[in-house]
Amino acid sequence: LTRGRTCIGCVMKGIKDGRKKTVYVYNICRHEDAYKEVGSQAISYTTGVPAMIGAMMMLSKKWYDTGVWHMEQFDPDPFMEALNTCGLPWSVIET
């Protein structure tokens, strides 16, 4: 069995209120926990859970509009909230 942890995150840098700002949003997932829950390692878990949440957002019409849209055009808050409740809690470091 695969052991250890995955770490997936995004570092965003920019200017806010005239000052440089860096924000790191990340998730750490343990392979052992993923095996217990779904019988697979954390790489598959961290791929499948966000895809499931995206489908859930579309089916519940939280992410829906007529025409063609990129997921980045929709409100990210419901997706981020669902990550926390569906097994991929995230953390933030701001500097």
PDB file of N, CA and C in Angstrom:
ATOM      1  N   LEU A   1       0.824  -1.197   0.000  1.00  0.00           N
ATOM      2  CA  LEU A   1       0.000   0.000   0.000  1.00  0.00           C
ATOM      3  C   LEU A   1       0.864   1.255   0.000  1.00  0.00           C
ATOM      4  N   THR A   2       0.373   2.253  -0.667  1.00  0.00           N
ATOM      5  CA  THR A   2       1.041   3.551  -0.665  1.00  0.00           C
ATOM      6  C   THR A   2       0.872   4.185   0.706  1.00  0.00           C
ATOM      7  N   ARG A   3       1.923   4.776   1.214  1.00  0.00           N
ATOM      8  CA  ARG A   3       1.872   5.425   2.528  1.00  0.00           C
ATOM      9  C   ARG A   3       2.349   6.860   2.409  1.00  0.00           C
ATOM     10  N   GLY A   4       1.922   7.663   3.360  1.00  0.00           N
ATOM     11  CA  GLY A   4       2.361   9.052   3.378  1.00  0.00           C
ATOM     12  C   GLY A   4       1.238  10.005   3.027  1.00  0.00           C
ATOM     13  N   ARG A   5       1.617  11.147   2.506  1.00  0.00           N
ATOM     14  CA  ARG A   5       0.641  12.209   2.268  1.00  0.00           C
ATOM     15  C   ARG A   5       0.837  12.837   0.899  1.00  0.00           C
ATOM     16  N   THR A   6      -0.251  13.408   0.417  1.00  0.00           N
ATOM     17  CA  THR A   6      -0.179  14.264  -0.762  1.00  0.00           C
ATOM     18  C   THR A   6      -0.354  15.698  -0.285  1.00  0.00           C
ATOM     19  N   CYS A   7       0.147  16.630  -1.044  1.00  0.00           N
ATOM     20  CA  CYS A   7      -0.095  18.047  -0.770  1.00  0.00           C
ATOM     21  C   CYS A   7      -0.385  18.713  -2.105  1.00  0.00           C
ATOM     22  N   ILE A   8      -1.581  19.250  -2.241  1.00  0.00           N
ATOM     23  CA  ILE A   8      -1.985  19.954  -3.454  1.00  0.00           C
ATOM     24  C   ILE A   8      -2.320  21.375  -3.047  1.00  0.00           C
ATOM     25  N   GLY A   9      -1.770  22.338  -3.748  1.00  0.00           N
ATOM     26  CA  GLY A   9      -2.049  23.717  -3.380  1.00  0.00           C
ATOM     27  C   GLY A   9      -1.809  24.688  -4.510  1.00  0.00           C
ATOM     28  N   CYS A  10      -2.258  25.889  -4.295  1.00  0.00           N
ATOM     29  CA  CYS A  10      -2.062  26.996  -5.236  1.00  0.00           C
ATOM     30  C   CYS A  10      -1.472  28.177  -4.479  1.00  0.00           C
ATOM     31  N   VAL A  11      -0.433  28.764  -5.056  1.00  0.00           N
ATOM     32  CA  VAL A  11       0.150  29.992  -4.524  1.00  0.00           C
ATOM     33  C   VAL A  11      -0.299  31.119  -5.439  1.00  0.00           C
ATOM     34  N   MET A  12      -0.976  32.097  -4.861  1.00  0.00           N
ATOM     35  CA  MET A  12      -1.452  33.246  -5.630  1.00  0.00           C
ATOM     36  C   MET A  12      -0.745  34.489  -5.123  1.00  0.00           C
ATOM     37  N   LYS A  13      -0.180  35.247  -6.046  1.00  0.00           N
ATOM     38  CA  LYS A  13       0.532  36.477  -5.688  1.00  0.00           C
ATOM     39  C   LYS A  13      -0.094  37.634  -6.436  1.00  0.00           C
ATOM     40  N   GLY A  14      -0.187  38.762  -5.761  1.00  0.00           N
ATOM     41  CA  GLY A  14      -0.747  39.938  -6.404  1.00  0.00           C
ATOM     42  C   GLY A  14      -0.625  41.161  -5.519  1.00  0.00           C
ATOM     43  N   ILE A  15      -1.379  42.172  -5.897  1.00  0.00           N
ATOM     44  CA  ILE A  15      -1.405  43.429  -5.156  1.00  0.00           C
ATOM     45  C   ILE A  15      -2.815  43.619  -4.617  1.00  0.00           C
ATOM     46  N   LYS A  16      -2.922  43.875  -3.308  1.00  0.00           N
ATOM     47  CA  LYS A  16      -4.212  44.168  -2.690  1.00  0.00           C
ATOM     48  C   LYS A  16      -4.042  45.416  -1.837  1.00  0.00           C
ATOM     49  N   ASP A  17      -4.910  46.376  -2.070  1.00  0.00           N
ATOM     50  CA  ASP A  17      -4.842  47.642  -1.335  1.00  0.00           C
ATOM     51  C   ASP A  17      -3.455  48.279  -1.440  1.00  0.00           C
ATOM     52  N   GLY A  18      -2.842  48.158  -2.628  1.00  0.00           N
ATOM     53  CA  GLY A  18      -1.547  48.774  -2.869  1.00  0.00           C
ATOM     54  C   GLY A  18      -0.353  48.034  -2.288  1.00  0.00           C
ATOM     55  N   ARG A  19      -0.574  46.855  -1.692  1.00  0.00           N
ATOM     56  CA  ARG A  19       0.520  46.099  -1.082  1.00  0.00           C
ATOM     57  C   ARG A  19       0.608  44.714  -1.707  1.00  0.00           C
ATOM     58  N   LYS A  20       1.837  44.192  -1.790  1.00  0.00           N
ATOM     59  CA  LYS A  20       2.030  42.834  -2.287  1.00  0.00           C
ATOM     60  C   LYS A  20       1.401  41.845  -1.306  1.00  0.00           C
ATOM     61  N   LYS A  21       0.771  40.821  -1.865  1.00  0.00           N
ATOM     62  CA  LYS A  21       0.141  39.814  -1.018  1.00  0.00           C
ATOM     63  C   LYS A  21       0.339  38.441  -1.659  1.00  0.00           C
ATOM     64  N   THR A  22       0.597  37.449  -0.824  1.00  0.00           N
ATOM     65  CA  THR A  22       0.697  36.060  -1.261  1.00  0.00           C
ATOM     66  C   THR A  22      -0.277  35.231  -0.433  1.00  0.00           C
ATOM     67  N   VAL A  23      -1.039  34.389  -1.114  1.00  0.00           N
ATOM     68  CA  VAL A  23      -1.986  33.496  -0.446  1.00  0.00           C
ATOM     69  C   VAL A  23      -1.718  32.078  -0.949  1.00  0.00           C
ATOM     70  N   TYR A  24      -1.597  31.144  -0.025  1.00  0.00           N
ATOM     71  CA  TYR A  24      -1.394  29.731  -0.349  1.00  0.00           C
ATOM     72  C   TYR A  24      -2.604  28.964   0.168  1.00  0.00           C
ATOM     73  N   VAL A  25      -3.351  28.341  -0.737  1.00  0.00           N
ATOM     74  CA  VAL A  25      -4.502  27.507  -0.389  1.00  0.00           C
ATOM     75  C   VAL A  25      -4.078  26.069  -0.681  1.00  0.00           C
ATOM     76  N   TYR A  26      -4.193  25.178   0.322  1.00  0.00           N
ATOM     77  CA  TYR A  26      -3.680  23.825   0.129  1.00  0.00           C
ATOM     78  C   TYR A  26      -4.499  22.787   0.889  1.00  0.00           C
ATOM     79  N   ASN A  27      -4.304  21.526   0.468  1.00  0.00           N
ATOM     80  CA  ASN A  27      -4.919  20.378   1.116  1.00  0.00           C
ATOM     81  C   ASN A  27      -3.845  19.315   1.299  1.00  0.00           C
ATOM     82  N   ILE A  28      -3.882  18.656   2.434  1.00  0.00           N
ATOM     83  CA  ILE A  28      -3.013  17.510   2.679  1.00  0.00           C
ATOM     84  C   ILE A  28      -3.915  16.302   2.887  1.00  0.00           C
ATOM     85  N   CYS A  29      -3.634  15.238   2.146  1.00  0.00           N
ATOM     86  CA  CYS A  29      -4.467  14.029   2.214  1.00  0.00           C
ATOM     87  C   CYS A  29      -3.566  12.827   2.493  1.00  0.00           C
ATOM     88  N   ARG A  30      -3.951  12.015   3.455  1.00  0.00           N
ATOM     89  CA  ARG A  30      -3.171  10.824   3.812  1.00  0.00           C
ATOM     90  C   ARG A  30      -3.618   9.626   2.978  1.00  0.00           C
ATOM     91  N   HIS A  31      -2.646   8.905   2.423  1.00  0.00           N
ATOM     92  CA  HIS A  31      -2.962   7.707   1.641  1.00  0.00           C
ATOM     93  C   HIS A  31      -3.719   6.683   2.487  1.00  0.00           C
ATOM     94  N   GLU A  32      -3.305   6.520   3.736  1.00  0.00           N
ATOM     95  CA  GLU A  32      -3.951   5.526   4.604  1.00  0.00           C
ATOM     96  C   GLU A  32      -5.432   5.844   4.806  1.00  0.00           C
ATOM     97  N   ASP A  33      -5.772   7.126   4.955  1.00  0.00           N
ATOM     98  CA  ASP A  33      -7.176   7.519   5.122  1.00  0.00           C
ATOM     99  C   ASP A  33      -7.975   7.251   3.852  1.00  0.00           C
ATOM    100  N   ALA A  34      -7.372   7.518   2.701  1.00  0.00           N
ATOM    101  CA  ALA A  34      -8.054   7.273   1.428  1.00  0.00           C
ATOM    102  C   ALA A  34      -8.317   5.777   1.246  1.00  0.00           C
ATOM    103  N   TYR A  35      -7.320   4.932   1.578  1.00  0.00           N
ATOM    104  CA  TYR A  35      -7.523   3.488   1.479  1.00  0.00           C
ATOM    105  C   TYR A  35      -8.675   3.032   2.362  1.00  0.00           C
ATOM    106  N   LYS A  36      -8.756   3.562   3.577  1.00  0.00           N
ATOM    107  CA  LYS A  36      -9.848   3.190   4.487  1.00  0.00           C
ATOM    108  C   LYS A  36     -11.206   3.551   3.910  1.00  0.00           C
ATOM    109  N   GLU A  37     -11.300   4.753   3.336  1.00  0.00           N
ATOM    110  CA  GLU A  37     -12.600   5.245   2.859  1.00  0.00           C
ATOM    111  C   GLU A  37     -13.023   4.648   1.522  1.00  0.00           C
ATOM    112  N   VAL A  38     -12.099   4.585   0.553  1.00  0.00           N
ATOM    113  CA  VAL A  38     -12.508   4.177  -0.797  1.00  0.00           C
ATOM    114  C   VAL A  38     -11.684   3.028  -1.376  1.00  0.00           C
ATOM    115  N   GLY A  39     -10.710   2.521  -0.637  1.00  0.00           N
ATOM    116  CA  GLY A  39      -9.918   1.403  -1.131  1.00  0.00           C
ATOM    117  C   GLY A  39      -8.898   1.779  -2.192  1.00  0.00           C
ATOM    118  N   SER A  40      -8.500   3.030  -2.229  1.00  0.00           N
ATOM    119  CA  SER A  40      -7.518   3.490  -3.205  1.00  0.00           C
ATOM    120  C   SER A  40      -6.624   4.544  -2.554  1.00  0.00           C
ATOM    121  N   GLN A  41      -5.523   4.860  -3.224  1.00  0.00           N
ATOM    122  CA  GLN A  41      -4.583   5.826  -2.661  1.00  0.00           C
ATOM    123  C   GLN A  41      -5.082   7.265  -2.828  1.00  0.00           C
ATOM    124  N   ALA A  42      -4.388   8.185  -2.186  1.00  0.00           N
ATOM    125  CA  ALA A  42      -4.836   9.581  -2.111  1.00  0.00           C
ATOM    126  C   ALA A  42      -4.766  10.317  -3.446  1.00  0.00           C
ATOM    127  N   ILE A  43      -3.909   9.877  -4.375  1.00  0.00           N
ATOM    128  CA  ILE A  43      -3.855  10.534  -5.685  1.00  0.00           C
ATOM    129  C   ILE A  43      -5.201  10.368  -6.388  1.00  0.00           C
ATOM    130  N   SER A  44      -5.736   9.158  -6.384  1.00  0.00           N
ATOM    131  CA  SER A  44      -7.055   8.925  -6.984  1.00  0.00           C
ATOM    132  C   SER A  44      -8.139   9.679  -6.226  1.00  0.00           C
ATOM    133  N   TYR A  45      -8.030   9.695  -4.914  1.00  0.00           N
ATOM    134  CA  TYR A  45      -9.025  10.380  -4.078  1.00  0.00           C
ATOM    135  C   TYR A  45      -9.054  11.872  -4.382  1.00  0.00           C
ATOM    136  N   THR A  46      -7.861  12.488  -4.472  1.00  0.00           N
ATOM    137  CA  THR A  46      -7.809  13.929  -4.710  1.00  0.00           C
ATOM    138  C   THR A  46      -8.138  14.294  -6.159  1.00  0.00           C
ATOM    139  N   THR A  47      -8.200  13.322  -7.040  1.00  0.00           N
ATOM    140  CA  THR A  47      -8.676  13.537  -8.411  1.00  0.00           C
ATOM    141  C   THR A  47     -10.183  13.355  -8.478  1.00  0.00           C
ATOM    142  N   GLY A  48     -10.685  12.297  -7.858  1.00  0.00           N
ATOM    143  CA  GLY A  48     -12.101  11.954  -7.962  1.00  0.00           C
ATOM    144  C   GLY A  48     -13.037  12.854  -7.187  1.00  0.00           C
ATOM    145  N   VAL A  49     -12.653  13.249  -5.985  1.00  0.00           N
ATOM    146  CA  VAL A  49     -13.551  14.071  -5.162  1.00  0.00           C
ATOM    147  C   VAL A  49     -13.858  15.418  -5.822  1.00  0.00           C
ATOM    148  N   PRO A  50     -12.867  16.176  -6.311  1.00  0.00           N
ATOM    149  CA  PRO A  50     -13.210  17.433  -6.983  1.00  0.00           C
ATOM    150  C   PRO A  50     -14.068  17.233  -8.234  1.00  0.00           C
ATOM    151  N   ALA A  51     -13.824  16.159  -8.987  1.00  0.00           N
ATOM    152  CA  ALA A  51     -14.655  15.885 -10.167  1.00  0.00           C
ATOM    153  C   ALA A  51     -16.096  15.608  -9.752  1.00  0.00           C
ATOM    154  N   MET A  52     -16.278  14.843  -8.676  1.00  0.00           N
ATOM    155  CA  MET A  52     -17.615  14.561  -8.159  1.00  0.00           C
ATOM    156  C   MET A  52     -18.302  15.839  -7.708  1.00  0.00           C
ATOM    157  N   ILE A  53     -17.560  16.716  -7.039  1.00  0.00           N
ATOM    158  CA  ILE A  53     -18.142  17.975  -6.569  1.00  0.00           C
ATOM    159  C   ILE A  53     -18.543  18.848  -7.756  1.00  0.00           C
ATOM    160  N   GLY A  54     -17.708  18.898  -8.790  1.00  0.00           N
ATOM    161  CA  GLY A  54     -18.062  19.656  -9.989  1.00  0.00           C
ATOM    162  C   GLY A  54     -19.346  19.146 -10.615  1.00  0.00           C
ATOM    163  N   ALA A  55     -19.484  17.825 -10.713  1.00  0.00           N
ATOM    164  CA  ALA A  55     -20.721  17.244 -11.246  1.00  0.00           C
ATOM    165  C   ALA A  55     -21.903  17.591 -10.350  1.00  0.00           C
ATOM    166  N   MET A  56     -21.700  17.527  -9.040  1.00  0.00           N
ATOM    167  CA  MET A  56     -22.753  17.870  -8.089  1.00  0.00           C
ATOM    168  C   MET A  56     -23.179  19.330  -8.251  1.00  0.00           C
ATOM    169  N   MET A  57     -22.210  20.227  -8.458  1.00  0.00           N
ATOM    170  CA  MET A  57     -22.519  21.653  -8.655  1.00  0.00           C
ATOM    171  C   MET A  57     -23.365  21.851  -9.913  1.00  0.00           C
ATOM    172  N   MET A  58     -23.042  21.104 -10.970  1.00  0.00           N
ATOM    173  CA  MET A  58     -23.802  21.230 -12.216  1.00  0.00           C
ATOM    174  C   MET A  58     -25.204  20.643 -12.068  1.00  0.00           C
ATOM    175  N   LEU A  59     -25.306  19.460 -11.466  1.00  0.00           N
ATOM    176  CA  LEU A  59     -26.609  18.804 -11.328  1.00  0.00           C
ATOM    177  C   LEU A  59     -27.541  19.545 -10.379  1.00  0.00           C
ATOM    178  N   SER A  60     -26.983  20.207  -9.378  1.00  0.00           N
ATOM    179  CA  SER A  60     -27.804  20.979  -8.437  1.00  0.00           C
ATOM    180  C   SER A  60     -28.061  22.400  -8.947  1.00  0.00           C
ATOM    181  N   LYS A  61     -27.520  22.706 -10.134  1.00  0.00           N
ATOM    182  CA  LYS A  61     -27.683  24.013 -10.792  1.00  0.00           C
ATOM    183  C   LYS A  61     -26.980  25.154 -10.049  1.00  0.00           C
ATOM    184  N   LYS A  62     -26.058  24.823  -9.131  1.00  0.00           N
ATOM    185  CA  LYS A  62     -25.247  25.878  -8.508  1.00  0.00           C
ATOM    186  C   LYS A  62     -24.257  26.431  -9.523  1.00  0.00           C
ATOM    187  N   TRP A  63     -23.805  25.563 -10.425  1.00  0.00           N
ATOM    188  CA  TRP A  63     -22.961  25.973 -11.536  1.00  0.00           C
ATOM    189  C   TRP A  63     -23.733  25.690 -12.807  1.00  0.00           C
ATOM    190  N   TYR A  64     -24.538  26.639 -13.230  1.00  0.00           N
ATOM    191  CA  TYR A  64     -25.331  26.425 -14.440  1.00  0.00           C
ATOM    192  C   TYR A  64     -25.779  27.758 -15.008  1.00  0.00           C
ATOM    193  N   ASP A  65     -25.734  27.854 -16.313  1.00  0.00           N
ATOM    194  CA  ASP A  65     -26.307  28.977 -17.043  1.00  0.00           C
ATOM    195  C   ASP A  65     -26.407  28.540 -18.495  1.00  0.00           C
ATOM    196  N   THR A  66     -27.235  29.205 -19.254  1.00  0.00           N
ATOM    197  CA  THR A  66     -27.354  28.853 -20.665  1.00  0.00           C
ATOM    198  C   THR A  66     -26.088  29.265 -21.402  1.00  0.00           C
ATOM    199  N   GLY A  67     -25.769  28.547 -22.440  1.00  0.00           N
ATOM    200  CA  GLY A  67     -24.572  28.841 -23.212  1.00  0.00           C
ATOM    201  C   GLY A  67     -23.388  28.019 -22.740  1.00  0.00           C
ATOM    202  N   VAL A  68     -22.221  28.444 -23.147  1.00  0.00           N
ATOM    203  CA  VAL A  68     -20.981  27.741 -22.808  1.00  0.00           C
ATOM    204  C   VAL A  68     -20.227  28.566 -21.768  1.00  0.00           C
ATOM    205  N   TRP A  69     -19.862  27.918 -20.678  1.00  0.00           N
ATOM    206  CA  TRP A  69     -19.182  28.598 -19.578  1.00  0.00           C
ATOM    207  C   TRP A  69     -17.991  27.764 -19.114  1.00  0.00           C
ATOM    208  N   HIS A  70     -16.958  28.431 -18.664  1.00  0.00           N
ATOM    209  CA  HIS A  70     -15.832  27.762 -18.011  1.00  0.00           C
ATOM    210  C   HIS A  70     -16.155  27.693 -16.525  1.00  0.00           C
ATOM    211  N   MET A  71     -15.705  26.651 -15.860  1.00  0.00           N
ATOM    212  CA  MET A  71     -15.990  26.533 -14.425  1.00  0.00           C
ATOM    213  C   MET A  71     -15.430  27.706 -13.637  1.00  0.00           C
ATOM    214  N   GLU A  72     -14.354  28.318 -14.130  1.00  0.00           N
ATOM    215  CA  GLU A  72     -13.752  29.455 -13.440  1.00  0.00           C
ATOM    216  C   GLU A  72     -14.666  30.678 -13.429  1.00  0.00           C
ATOM    217  N   GLN A  73     -15.701  30.678 -14.280  1.00  0.00           N
ATOM    218  CA  GLN A  73     -16.624  31.805 -14.341  1.00  0.00           C
ATOM    219  C   GLN A  73     -17.713  31.715 -13.272  1.00  0.00           C
ATOM    220  N   PHE A  74     -17.830  30.580 -12.614  1.00  0.00           N
ATOM    221  CA  PHE A  74     -18.856  30.404 -11.591  1.00  0.00           C
ATOM    222  C   PHE A  74     -18.307  30.708 -10.198  1.00  0.00           C
ATOM    223  N   ASP A  75     -19.208  30.930  -9.261  1.00  0.00           N
ATOM    224  CA  ASP A  75     -18.848  31.223  -7.871  1.00  0.00           C
ATOM    225  C   ASP A  75     -18.077  30.036  -7.280  1.00  0.00           C
ATOM    226  N   PRO A  76     -16.846  30.232  -6.814  1.00  0.00           N
ATOM    227  CA  PRO A  76     -16.069  29.125  -6.268  1.00  0.00           C
ATOM    228  C   PRO A  76     -16.466  28.730  -4.846  1.00  0.00           C
ATOM    229  N   ASP A  77     -17.192  29.584  -4.141  1.00  0.00           N
ATOM    230  CA  ASP A  77     -17.476  29.322  -2.725  1.00  0.00           C
ATOM    231  C   ASP A  77     -18.212  28.006  -2.478  1.00  0.00           C
ATOM    232  N   PRO A  78     -19.271  27.657  -3.231  1.00  0.00           N
ATOM    233  CA  PRO A  78     -19.925  26.368  -2.975  1.00  0.00           C
ATOM    234  C   PRO A  78     -18.978  25.181  -3.196  1.00  0.00           C
ATOM    235  N   PHE A  79     -18.114  25.284  -4.197  1.00  0.00           N
ATOM    236  CA  PHE A  79     -17.145  24.222  -4.466  1.00  0.00           C
ATOM    237  C   PHE A  79     -16.166  24.088  -3.300  1.00  0.00           C
ATOM    238  N   MET A  80     -15.626  25.204  -2.843  1.00  0.00           N
ATOM    239  CA  MET A  80     -14.667  25.171  -1.745  1.00  0.00           C
ATOM    240  C   MET A  80     -15.308  24.661  -0.458  1.00  0.00           C
ATOM    241  N   GLU A  81     -16.556  25.041  -0.209  1.00  0.00           N
ATOM    242  CA  GLU A  81     -17.274  24.534   0.969  1.00  0.00           C
ATOM    243  C   GLU A  81     -17.462  23.026   0.873  1.00  0.00           C
ATOM    244  N   ALA A  82     -17.806  22.542  -0.328  1.00  0.00           N
ATOM    245  CA  ALA A  82     -18.015  21.106  -0.517  1.00  0.00           C
ATOM    246  C   ALA A  82     -16.713  20.324  -0.341  1.00  0.00           C
ATOM    247  N   LEU A  83     -15.586  20.890  -0.732  1.00  0.00           N
ATOM    248  CA  LEU A  83     -14.311  20.208  -0.486  1.00  0.00           C
ATOM    249  C   LEU A  83     -14.149  19.908   1.000  1.00  0.00           C
ATOM    250  N   ASN A  84     -14.491  20.871   1.843  1.00  0.00           N
ATOM    251  CA  ASN A  84     -14.365  20.682   3.295  1.00  0.00           C
ATOM    252  C   ASN A  84     -15.269  19.574   3.812  1.00  0.00           C
ATOM    253  N   THR A  85     -16.465  19.449   3.264  1.00  0.00           N
ATOM    254  CA  THR A  85     -17.413  18.456   3.776  1.00  0.00           C
ATOM    255  C   THR A  85     -17.301  17.103   3.082  1.00  0.00           C
ATOM    256  N   CYS A  86     -16.594  17.041   1.960  1.00  0.00           N
ATOM    257  CA  CYS A  86     -16.483  15.787   1.199  1.00  0.00           C
ATOM    258  C   CYS A  86     -15.107  15.136   1.323  1.00  0.00           C
ATOM    259  N   GLY A  87     -14.350  15.483   2.353  1.00  0.00           N
ATOM    260  CA  GLY A  87     -13.118  14.770   2.635  1.00  0.00           C
ATOM    261  C   GLY A  87     -11.817  15.431   2.220  1.00  0.00           C
ATOM    262  N   LEU A  88     -11.887  16.636   1.640  1.00  0.00           N
ATOM    263  CA  LEU A  88     -10.655  17.330   1.260  1.00  0.00           C
ATOM    264  C   LEU A  88     -10.608  18.722   1.883  1.00  0.00           C
ATOM    265  N   PRO A  89     -10.517  18.789   3.212  1.00  0.00           N
ATOM    266  CA  PRO A  89     -10.465  20.104   3.862  1.00  0.00           C
ATOM    267  C   PRO A  89      -9.204  20.854   3.445  1.00  0.00           C
ATOM    268  N   TRP A  90      -9.345  22.152   3.301  1.00  0.00           N
ATOM    269  CA  TRP A  90      -8.231  22.977   2.849  1.00  0.00           C
ATOM    270  C   TRP A  90      -7.873  24.010   3.903  1.00  0.00           C
ATOM    271  N   SER A  91      -6.656  24.500   3.788  1.00  0.00           N
ATOM    272  CA  SER A  91      -6.137  25.510   4.710  1.00  0.00           C
ATOM    273  C   SER A  91      -5.590  26.673   3.897  1.00  0.00           C
ATOM    274  N   VAL A  92      -5.401  27.812   4.569  1.00  0.00           N
ATOM    275  CA  VAL A  92      -4.906  29.019   3.910  1.00  0.00           C
ATOM    276  C   VAL A  92      -3.768  29.614   4.735  1.00  0.00           C
ATOM    277  N   ILE A  93      -2.712  30.005   4.040  1.00  0.00           N
ATOM    278  CA  ILE A  93      -1.632  30.782   4.648  1.00  0.00           C
ATOM    279  C   ILE A  93      -1.545  32.078   3.858  1.00  0.00           C
ATOM    280  N   GLU A  94      -1.617  33.211   4.557  1.00  0.00           N
ATOM    281  CA  GLU A  94      -1.537  34.519   3.903  1.00  0.00           C
ATOM    282  C   GLU A  94      -0.319  35.271   4.417  1.00  0.00           C
ATOM    283  N   THR A  95       0.394  35.914   3.489  1.00  0.00           N
ATOM    284  CA  THR A  95       1.533  36.750   3.884  1.00  0.00           C
ATOM    285  C   THR A  95       1.440  38.085   3.181  1.00  0.00           C
TER     286      THR A  95
END
